Amino acid sequence: MELKVNLPDTVASEAKAAGLITSQAIERLLREAMRNKAVDELFDAADRMAAAEIPPLTMQEIQSEVDAVRKARRERAGRT
């Protein structure tokens, strides 16, 4: 993919001098931004879950959910 970006001259000059205007550097910056976004979304979801005041599952309930998922996967794979 080719990317064209319009930057102020000073920002472009400083970024170039810092070695940030290369494909590798931009890829690294984008990957870091995506990781940060994913972490932010995870914490937002955790905050929403905490605010919902849902009681925690018991170990038996958790095991039942795990068993159900495993069974569904086996059935989808044709290994009933």
Protein backbone atom coordinates (compact mmCIF):
# COMPACT_ATOMS: atom_id res chain seq x y z
CA MET A 1 0.00 0.00 0.00
CA GLU A 2 1.24 3.44 -0.80
CA LEU A 3 0.48 6.18 1.69
CA LYS A 4 0.60 9.90 1.03
CA VAL A 5 0.60 12.25 4.00
CA ASN A 6 0.57 16.03 4.13
CA LEU A 7 2.64 17.35 7.02
CA PRO A 8 3.85 20.79 8.00
CA ASP A 9 7.41 21.30 6.78
CA THR A 10 8.85 21.49 10.30
CA VAL A 11 7.20 18.25 11.37
CA ALA A 12 8.30 16.49 8.18
CA SER A 13 11.89 17.72 8.59
CA GLU A 14 12.09 16.69 12.24
CA ALA A 15 10.50 13.30 11.56
CA LYS A 16 12.89 12.67 8.67
CA ALA A 17 15.89 13.66 10.80
CA ALA A 18 14.66 11.27 13.51
CA GLY A 19 14.40 8.44 10.99
CA LEU A 20 10.63 8.22 11.31
CA ILE A 21 9.77 8.58 7.65
CA THR A 22 10.64 5.11 6.47
CA SER A 23 8.31 2.21 5.73
CA GLN A 24 9.69 0.29 8.70
CA ALA A 25 9.33 3.21 11.11
CA ILE A 26 5.78 3.97 10.00
CA GLU A 27 4.85 0.29 10.27
CA ARG A 28 6.29 0.21 13.81
CA LEU A 29 4.37 3.38 14.75
CA LEU A 30 1.11 2.01 13.33
CA ARG A 31 1.53 -1.36 15.07
CA GLU A 32 2.21 0.41 18.37
CA ALA A 33 -0.84 2.62 17.90
CA MET A 34 -3.00 -0.43 17.14
CA ARG A 35 -1.72 -2.21 20.27
CA ASN A 36 -2.45 0.87 22.36
CA LYS A 37 -5.95 1.09 20.88
CA ALA A 38 -6.59 -2.58 21.65
CA VAL A 39 -5.43 -2.10 25.25
CA ASP A 40 -7.66 0.97 25.61
CA GLU A 41 -10.62 -1.00 24.26
CA LEU A 42 -9.89 -3.85 26.67
CA PHE A 43 -9.87 -1.50 29.65
CA ASP A 44 -13.05 0.20 28.40
CA ALA A 45 -14.74 -3.21 28.20
CA ALA A 46 -13.50 -4.08 31.70
CA ASP A 47 -14.90 -0.79 33.00
CA ARG A 48 -18.27 -1.52 31.37
CA MET A 49 -18.31 -5.01 32.86
CA ALA A 50 -17.50 -3.66 36.32
CA ALA A 51 -20.23 -1.05 36.00
CA ALA A 52 -22.76 -3.73 35.04
CA GLU A 53 -22.27 -5.35 38.46
CA ILE A 54 -22.62 -8.86 37.09
CA PRO A 55 -21.93 -11.45 39.78
CA PRO A 56 -18.81 -13.55 39.16
CA LEU A 57 -19.20 -17.07 37.79
CA THR A 58 -18.49 -20.05 39.98
CA MET A 59 -15.79 -22.50 38.94
CA GLN A 60 -18.54 -24.97 38.02
CA GLU A 61 -20.22 -22.37 35.76
CA ILE A 62 -16.89 -21.57 34.11
CA GLN A 63 -16.17 -25.25 33.52
CA SER A 64 -19.65 -25.72 32.00
CA GLU A 65 -18.99 -22.86 29.57
CA VAL A 66 -15.58 -24.29 28.64
CA ASP A 67 -17.10 -27.73 28.10
CA ALA A 68 -19.86 -26.25 25.89
CA VAL A 69 -17.34 -24.40 23.71
CA ARG A 70 -15.17 -27.49 23.34
CA LYS A 71 -18.19 -29.60 22.41
CA ALA A 72 -19.31 -27.05 19.80
CA ARG A 73 -15.81 -26.98 18.28
CA ARG A 74 -15.68 -30.76 18.08
CA GLU A 75 -19.11 -30.85 16.42
CA ARG A 76 -18.08 -28.19 13.87
CA ALA A 77 -14.94 -30.16 13.11
CA GLY A 78 -17.00 -33.32 12.61
CA ARG A 79 -15.48 -35.08 15.60
CA THR A 80 -18.56 -35.58 17.77
